[in-house]
Amino acid sequence: MSNEEKILSMLTKMQNDIDALRTDINAIKNNSNPEPEEKMTQREVFMGLANLLDDDEKEALGKYMEAEEARKAALYG
């Protein structure tokens, strides 16, 4: 699988996970009497987002970001 395919797969997975988290957060916000164990703290949300990438995805994204920075440097010097 090429880096581009890995990145597309990763972004699709991330979008699905973000949509699921957003749905959970909205459900909690809209519940007038949420149970304490149902409340999701901001830290839990960020930790959930941080854990969305596996090692291969992190590596592919890192390589992509390096290539983008090199491209921008070459274009805009």
Protein backbone atom coordinates (compact mmCIF):
# COMPACT_ATOMS: atom_id res chain seq x y z
CA MET A 1 0.00 0.00 0.00
CA SER A 2 1.42 3.37 -0.97
CA ASN A 3 1.80 6.24 1.49
CA GLU A 4 -1.02 8.07 -0.28
CA GLU A 5 -3.33 5.09 0.15
CA LYS A 6 -2.32 4.76 3.81
CA ILE A 7 -3.01 8.46 4.38
CA LEU A 8 -6.41 8.28 2.67
CA SER A 9 -7.32 5.22 4.73
CA MET A 10 -6.10 6.93 7.90
CA LEU A 11 -8.04 10.12 7.17
CA THR A 12 -11.21 8.14 6.45
CA LYS A 13 -10.81 6.21 9.72
CA MET A 14 -10.10 9.43 11.63
CA GLN A 15 -13.17 11.13 10.15
CA ASN A 16 -15.37 8.18 11.15
CA ASP A 17 -13.92 8.17 14.67
CA ILE A 18 -14.32 11.96 14.99
CA ASP A 19 -17.93 11.72 13.81
CA ALA A 20 -18.61 9.02 16.41
CA LEU A 21 -17.01 11.14 19.17
CA ARG A 22 -18.99 14.19 18.03
CA THR A 23 -22.20 12.16 18.18
CA ASP A 24 -21.35 10.97 21.70
CA ILE A 25 -20.51 14.50 22.86
CA ASN A 26 -23.72 15.92 21.39
CA ALA A 27 -25.76 13.17 23.05
CA ILE A 28 -24.16 14.00 26.40
CA LYS A 29 -24.70 17.76 25.92
CA ASN A 30 -28.35 17.28 24.95
CA ASN A 31 -29.15 15.04 27.91
CA SER A 32 -30.54 17.31 30.61
CA ASN A 33 -29.65 14.85 33.39
CA PRO A 34 -26.63 12.83 32.26
CA GLU A 35 -25.31 10.21 34.62
CA PRO A 36 -21.81 11.08 35.93
CA GLU A 37 -20.25 8.06 34.23
CA GLU A 38 -21.70 9.21 30.90
CA LYS A 39 -19.95 12.58 31.00
CA MET A 40 -16.92 12.82 28.77
CA THR A 41 -14.28 15.30 29.86
CA GLN A 42 -12.44 17.43 27.34
CA ARG A 43 -9.23 15.55 28.23
CA GLU A 44 -10.92 12.22 27.45
CA VAL A 45 -12.02 13.56 24.08
CA PHE A 46 -8.50 14.75 23.22
CA MET A 47 -6.96 11.48 24.43
CA GLY A 48 -9.44 9.58 22.27
CA LEU A 49 -8.47 11.68 19.26
CA ALA A 50 -4.77 11.24 20.00
CA ASN A 51 -5.16 7.47 20.09
CA LEU A 52 -6.85 7.25 16.69
CA LEU A 53 -3.60 6.69 14.80
CA ASP A 54 -1.69 3.45 14.87
CA ASP A 55 2.09 3.36 14.36
CA ASP A 56 1.90 2.78 10.59
CA GLU A 57 -0.52 5.68 10.19
CA LYS A 58 1.69 7.96 12.28
CA GLU A 59 4.70 7.01 10.15
CA ALA A 60 2.81 7.54 6.87
CA LEU A 61 1.49 10.90 8.06
CA GLY A 62 4.97 11.93 9.20
CA LYS A 63 6.45 11.09 5.81
CA TYR A 64 3.65 12.94 4.07
CA MET A 65 4.17 16.03 6.25
CA GLU A 66 7.93 15.97 5.57
CA ALA A 67 7.28 15.73 1.81
CA GLU A 68 4.77 18.61 2.02
CA GLU A 69 7.22 20.81 3.92
CA ALA A 70 9.94 20.04 1.34
CA ARG A 71 7.53 20.83 -1.50
CA LYS A 72 6.49 24.13 0.08
CA ALA A 73 10.13 25.06 0.74
CA ALA A 74 10.98 24.34 -2.90
CA LEU A 75 8.02 26.35 -4.19
CA TYR A 76 8.23 29.31 -1.86
CA GLY A 77 11.90 29.06 -0.87
